[in-house]
Amino acid sequence: MAQDSTRGALLIIGGAEDKQRECEILREFIRYAGGTKARVVIITSATDLPIEVGQEYIRVFEQLGVEDVRIIDTRSKEDADSESALQDMDKATGVFFTGGDQARIVDTIKDTQLDAAIHRRLSEGMIVAGTSAGAAIMPDIMIVDGDSETHPRMEIVKMCPGMGFFPGVIVDQHFSQRARMGRLISALAQQQQAVLGFGIDENTAMLVVDDKIRVIGEGAITIIDSTDVTHSNIDDILIDEGLAIIGAKLHILPRGYEFDLETRKAIPNQLILKS
C-alpha cells in the first residue's frame, strides 16, 4: 500500500467539522494547500444547496487568510468537462469535496475530464480533502448506503465504485455518532481487495501523507485490519444471516496517534510518550 512520495496529501473528514471556533481540521487543509497563498477549489456536487454550502466554506477559508477560493458547481458531467472547471483545477493547490450524497459526486464527476485532472494534480502534490460524503468517495469502492446500529450482515450495506483517491481501503464517516461498526465490518468483509477499514468520527480527520496516517480533531478513527483473519463465514451464509470474522485487528486512535500503511501498525502519540 506504499504511495508515491510526490503524491499529495489526503484529508478525510468524518463530517460535522468545526467551522466556527478553532477550525483545527480546516486549518490543516489550508496549511497543506499552501497557507495564505493557497488556491482552493470547492466541489459542491454532493449537496442540494451548492451555492449556500460553497459560500460557507469560502467564508471560513477567507477568514483563514486564503484569497483565491472558487466553487466548481458540477451538477452534470457536462459541467465537469467545462473549460472553466478544468482551468480552475489546473491552478488549484487544494480541492475540497463537501458533504451531501456521495453518489452524486460519482455520478457527475467520475470518468470525466475533471476526474482525470484531480487525479493528475493529486499525483503532482495537490491536497485532496473531503468531509462526510466527500470522505466516502475516497476509496475505489465506497459505501453508498447502509444501516446503522446493527450487527454485521451482508444485506446492511450497499457499495459502488468511488473516486479512487485512496484505493484498497474502505472508509465510513459519522462513525461513532451513528454506530456504524457493523456496516464497516460488513463492507470490509465483502471487498476482497481491501484489508483496512477506517471509521472516522465527526469533527475528526485522518491526514494521509505518504505511508502515514495522522489523526486530528476531537474524536477518533477506528481501524479494522483483516490481514490476519483466520476464518470468515461469508461464503456460507445468506445475505440476512450473521457474519462471523475471526482474527481481525482493531485499533482506536484519537488525536495525535498515527498509523503506518505499509507495516499496518499503529504508532502511539509521541507527545504522550514524552510526558
Protein backbone atom coordinates (compact mmCIF):
# COMPACT_ATOMS: atom_id res chain seq x y z
CA MET A 1 0.00 0.00 0.00
CA ALA A 2 3.04 2.26 -0.30
CA GLN A 3 2.37 5.55 -2.05
CA ASP A 4 4.46 7.73 -4.33
CA SER A 5 6.35 10.32 -2.25
CA THR A 6 5.47 13.05 -4.77
CA ARG A 7 1.78 12.38 -4.30
CA GLY A 8 -0.28 15.00 -2.48
CA ALA A 9 -1.88 14.51 0.91
CA LEU A 10 -5.42 13.34 1.57
CA LEU A 11 -7.53 14.83 4.37
CA ILE A 12 -10.50 12.56 5.04
CA ILE A 13 -13.03 14.10 7.46
CA GLY A 14 -15.79 12.26 9.32
CA GLY A 15 -18.25 15.13 8.86
CA ALA A 16 -19.51 17.99 11.04
CA GLU A 17 -16.06 19.58 11.26
CA ASP A 18 -15.75 22.79 13.26
CA LYS A 19 -16.27 25.88 11.07
CA GLN A 20 -16.90 28.42 13.82
CA ARG A 21 -14.22 28.18 16.53
CA GLU A 22 -10.67 26.88 16.15
CA CYS A 23 -11.32 25.22 12.76
CA GLU A 24 -8.46 22.81 13.50
CA ILE A 25 -9.16 20.43 10.62
CA LEU A 26 -9.80 23.10 8.01
CA ARG A 27 -6.63 24.91 9.13
CA GLU A 28 -4.66 21.74 8.40
CA PHE A 29 -6.17 21.59 4.93
CA ILE A 30 -5.13 25.17 4.24
CA ARG A 31 -1.58 24.57 5.53
CA TYR A 32 -1.09 21.68 3.13
CA ALA A 33 -2.67 23.66 0.30
CA GLY A 34 -0.11 26.46 0.68
CA GLY A 35 -1.30 28.64 3.54
CA THR A 36 -2.34 32.15 2.62
CA LYS A 37 -1.01 31.52 -0.91
CA ALA A 38 -3.31 28.54 -1.40
CA ARG A 39 -5.58 28.31 -4.43
CA VAL A 40 -8.60 26.35 -3.22
CA VAL A 41 -11.36 24.76 -5.26
CA ILE A 42 -14.57 23.68 -3.51
CA ILE A 43 -16.59 20.95 -5.22
CA THR A 44 -20.25 21.03 -4.17
CA SER A 45 -21.78 18.32 -6.35
CA ALA A 46 -22.86 16.24 -3.31
CA THR A 47 -25.24 18.84 -1.89
CA ASP A 48 -28.72 20.10 -2.75
CA LEU A 49 -27.54 23.61 -1.85
CA PRO A 50 -24.29 24.04 -3.81
CA ILE A 51 -24.14 27.83 -3.67
CA GLU A 52 -25.03 28.13 0.02
CA VAL A 53 -22.66 25.35 1.12
CA GLY A 54 -19.90 26.64 -1.12
CA GLN A 55 -20.24 30.14 0.27
CA GLU A 56 -19.98 28.82 3.84
CA TYR A 57 -16.60 27.24 3.06
CA ILE A 58 -15.47 30.34 1.18
CA ARG A 59 -16.20 32.35 4.35
CA VAL A 60 -14.12 30.00 6.51
CA PHE A 61 -11.19 29.78 4.12
CA GLU A 62 -11.12 33.55 3.60
CA GLN A 63 -11.13 34.08 7.37
CA LEU A 64 -8.05 31.84 7.48
CA GLY A 65 -6.34 34.15 5.01
CA VAL A 66 -6.88 32.45 1.66
CA GLU A 67 -7.61 34.94 -1.10
CA ASP A 68 -8.15 32.57 -4.04
CA VAL A 69 -11.17 30.34 -3.30
CA ARG A 70 -13.50 29.14 -6.04
CA ILE A 71 -16.53 26.88 -6.37
CA ILE A 72 -16.76 24.26 -9.10
CA ASP A 73 -20.51 23.66 -9.31
CA THR A 74 -20.87 20.32 -11.11
CA ARG A 75 -24.48 19.28 -11.47
CA SER A 76 -23.83 17.17 -14.59
CA LYS A 77 -20.95 15.51 -16.40
CA GLU A 78 -21.08 18.37 -18.89
CA ASP A 79 -20.28 20.78 -16.06
CA ALA A 80 -17.34 18.58 -15.06
CA ASP A 81 -15.97 18.74 -18.60
CA SER A 82 -16.29 22.52 -18.87
CA GLU A 83 -13.25 24.59 -19.74
CA SER A 84 -13.66 26.83 -16.69
CA ALA A 85 -13.72 23.85 -14.31
CA LEU A 86 -10.58 22.39 -15.86
CA GLN A 87 -8.77 25.73 -15.77
CA ASP A 88 -9.60 26.19 -12.09
CA MET A 89 -8.38 22.67 -11.29
CA ASP A 90 -5.13 23.15 -13.18
CA LYS A 91 -4.29 26.11 -10.92
CA ALA A 92 -5.56 24.61 -7.64
CA THR A 93 -3.27 23.67 -4.77
CA GLY A 94 -6.13 22.15 -2.78
CA VAL A 95 -9.54 20.69 -3.60
CA PHE A 96 -12.31 20.24 -1.04
CA PHE A 97 -15.36 17.96 -1.53
CA THR A 98 -18.33 18.98 0.62
CA GLY A 99 -20.87 16.71 2.27
CA GLY A 100 -24.22 15.59 0.93
CA ASP A 101 -24.87 12.48 -1.14
CA GLN A 102 -21.71 10.66 -2.24
CA ALA A 103 -23.49 9.03 -5.18
CA ARG A 104 -23.96 12.47 -6.74
CA ILE A 105 -20.21 13.09 -6.73
CA VAL A 106 -19.57 9.85 -8.56
CA ASP A 107 -22.50 10.33 -10.96
CA THR A 108 -21.39 13.81 -12.04
CA ILE A 109 -17.58 13.64 -11.88
CA LYS A 110 -16.26 10.08 -12.23
CA ASP A 111 -14.71 9.34 -15.64
CA THR A 112 -14.86 12.99 -16.72
CA GLN A 113 -12.02 15.31 -17.66
CA LEU A 114 -12.33 16.90 -14.20
CA ASP A 115 -11.86 13.49 -12.59
CA ALA A 116 -8.67 12.95 -14.59
CA ALA A 117 -7.46 16.46 -13.71
CA ILE A 118 -7.95 15.92 -9.96
CA HIS A 119 -6.02 12.64 -10.07
CA ARG A 120 -3.26 14.29 -12.06
CA ARG A 121 -2.98 17.23 -9.68
CA LEU A 122 -3.00 14.86 -6.70
CA SER A 123 -0.08 12.97 -8.24
CA GLU A 124 1.70 16.33 -8.63
CA GLY A 125 1.32 17.22 -4.95
CA MET A 126 -2.10 18.89 -4.55
CA ILE A 127 -4.02 18.02 -1.37
CA VAL A 128 -7.47 16.46 -1.80
CA ALA A 129 -9.89 16.77 1.12
CA GLY A 130 -13.45 15.66 1.68
CA THR A 131 -15.97 15.71 4.51
CA SER A 132 -18.85 13.27 5.09
CA ALA A 133 -19.92 12.32 1.54
CA GLY A 134 -16.62 13.82 0.40
CA ALA A 135 -14.87 11.32 2.68
CA ALA A 136 -16.95 8.36 1.48
CA ILE A 137 -15.78 8.80 -2.13
CA MET A 138 -12.05 8.46 -1.34
CA PRO A 139 -11.66 4.67 -1.93
CA ASP A 140 -12.04 2.89 -5.24
CA ILE A 141 -15.07 1.05 -3.82
CA MET A 142 -17.24 3.15 -1.49
CA ILE A 143 -20.13 2.70 0.89
CA VAL A 144 -23.06 4.42 -0.77
CA ASP A 145 -25.77 3.47 1.74
CA GLY A 146 -26.32 1.18 4.69
CA ASP A 147 -27.96 0.52 8.03
CA SER A 148 -26.50 1.69 11.33
CA GLU A 149 -26.80 0.32 14.87
CA THR A 150 -26.87 -3.32 13.82
CA HIS A 151 -24.61 -6.36 13.76
CA PRO A 152 -22.68 -7.26 10.59
CA ARG A 153 -24.70 -8.83 7.77
CA MET A 154 -24.16 -8.60 4.04
CA GLU A 155 -27.57 -7.01 3.46
CA ILE A 156 -26.93 -3.92 5.61
CA VAL A 157 -24.53 -2.16 3.25
CA LYS A 158 -24.69 -1.07 -0.39
CA MET A 159 -21.48 -0.34 -2.27
CA CYS A 160 -20.48 1.09 -5.63
CA PRO A 161 -17.36 2.50 -7.34
CA GLY A 162 -15.79 5.51 -5.61
CA MET A 163 -13.32 8.08 -6.92
CA GLY A 164 -10.19 6.04 -6.19
CA PHE A 165 -8.06 8.66 -4.43
CA PHE A 166 -7.32 6.16 -1.61
CA PRO A 167 -7.60 2.70 -3.20
CA GLY A 168 -7.62 -0.62 -1.42
CA VAL A 169 -9.47 0.50 1.73
CA ILE A 170 -13.00 1.11 2.98
CA VAL A 171 -13.99 4.42 4.61
CA ASP A 172 -17.06 5.23 6.72
CA GLN A 173 -17.92 8.58 8.30
CA HIS A 174 -20.05 9.93 11.21
CA PHE A 175 -18.76 6.70 12.71
CA SER A 176 -19.30 6.68 16.48
CA GLN A 177 -22.18 9.15 16.31
CA ARG A 178 -24.20 6.81 14.05
CA ALA A 179 -22.94 3.46 15.41
CA ARG A 180 -21.59 2.24 12.08
CA MET A 181 -19.23 -0.52 13.24
CA GLY A 182 -21.50 -3.24 11.85
CA ARG A 183 -21.72 -1.77 8.39
CA LEU A 184 -17.98 -1.06 8.18
CA ILE A 185 -17.20 -4.68 9.06
CA SER A 186 -19.80 -5.88 6.55
CA ALA A 187 -18.36 -3.67 3.81
CA LEU A 188 -14.78 -4.73 4.50
CA ALA A 189 -15.67 -8.43 4.54
CA GLN A 190 -17.25 -8.17 1.10
CA GLN A 191 -14.27 -6.46 -0.56
CA GLN A 192 -11.52 -8.95 -1.29
CA GLN A 193 -9.12 -6.24 -2.47
CA ALA A 194 -9.45 -4.21 0.76
CA VAL A 195 -7.90 -5.26 4.07
CA LEU A 196 -8.24 -2.00 6.00
CA GLY A 197 -11.46 -0.31 7.07
CA PHE A 198 -11.46 3.20 8.56
CA GLY A 199 -14.35 4.62 10.60
CA ILE A 200 -13.97 8.36 11.21
CA ASP A 201 -15.85 10.24 13.93
CA GLU A 202 -17.40 13.66 13.42
CA ASN A 203 -15.09 16.69 13.74
CA THR A 204 -12.23 14.24 13.26
CA ALA A 205 -9.99 13.59 10.28
CA MET A 206 -7.25 11.30 9.07
CA LEU A 207 -4.43 13.06 7.28
CA VAL A 208 -2.75 10.70 4.82
CA VAL A 209 0.78 11.74 3.86
CA ASP A 210 2.95 9.21 2.03
CA ASP A 211 2.55 5.96 4.01
CA LYS A 212 1.46 7.55 7.30
CA ILE A 213 -1.94 8.49 8.70
CA ARG A 214 -2.20 11.06 11.48
CA VAL A 215 -5.39 11.65 13.47
CA ILE A 216 -6.56 15.22 14.06
CA GLY A 217 -9.72 16.62 15.62
CA GLU A 218 -11.74 15.86 18.73
CA GLY A 219 -12.82 12.26 18.14
CA ALA A 220 -11.08 9.10 16.98
CA ILE A 221 -10.66 6.87 13.98
CA THR A 222 -11.47 3.19 14.25
CA ILE A 223 -9.30 0.88 12.12
CA ILE A 224 -10.25 -2.70 11.29
CA ASP A 225 -7.38 -4.74 9.83
CA SER A 226 -8.46 -8.01 8.21
CA THR A 227 -4.95 -9.00 7.07
CA ASP A 228 -4.67 -11.90 9.51
CA VAL A 229 -8.27 -13.12 9.52
CA THR A 230 -8.25 -16.89 10.01
CA HIS A 231 -11.93 -17.56 9.40
CA SER A 232 -14.99 -15.95 7.86
CA ASN A 233 -18.35 -17.49 7.05
CA ILE A 234 -19.12 -15.02 4.26
CA ASP A 235 -19.13 -17.73 1.56
CA ASP A 236 -21.54 -19.92 3.52
CA ILE A 237 -24.30 -17.55 4.66
CA LEU A 238 -27.31 -15.86 3.12
CA ILE A 239 -27.39 -12.06 3.00
CA ASP A 240 -29.60 -11.69 6.09
CA GLU A 241 -27.58 -14.06 8.29
CA GLY A 242 -24.94 -13.03 10.83
CA LEU A 243 -21.39 -12.51 9.60
CA ALA A 244 -18.53 -14.17 11.50
CA ILE A 245 -14.91 -12.94 11.37
CA ILE A 246 -12.08 -14.40 13.44
CA GLY A 247 -8.63 -12.88 13.76
CA ALA A 248 -9.25 -9.26 12.71
CA LYS A 249 -7.33 -6.49 14.47
CA LEU A 250 -8.98 -3.39 15.93
CA HIS A 251 -7.30 -0.03 16.61
CA ILE A 252 -8.95 3.04 18.17
CA LEU A 253 -6.77 6.10 17.56
CA PRO A 254 -7.53 9.59 18.93
CA ARG A 255 -5.80 12.89 18.18
CA GLY A 256 -2.04 12.67 17.62
CA TYR A 257 -1.86 8.93 17.06
CA GLU A 258 -0.58 7.61 13.75
CA PHE A 259 -0.91 4.53 11.57
CA ASP A 260 1.68 3.15 9.16
CA LEU A 261 0.00 1.96 5.98
CA GLU A 262 2.99 -0.08 4.86
CA THR A 263 3.54 -2.05 8.07
CA ARG A 264 -0.11 -1.77 9.18
CA LYS A 265 0.96 -0.82 12.68
CA ALA A 266 -0.44 1.87 14.94
CA ILE A 267 2.02 4.43 16.35
CA PRO A 268 1.40 5.92 19.83
CA ASN A 269 1.15 9.68 20.31
CA GLN A 270 4.77 10.79 20.80
CA LEU A 271 3.72 13.73 22.98
CA ILE A 272 2.10 11.33 25.44
CA LEU A 273 5.14 9.06 25.45
CA LYS A 274 7.38 12.02 26.34
CA SER A 275 5.15 13.35 29.11
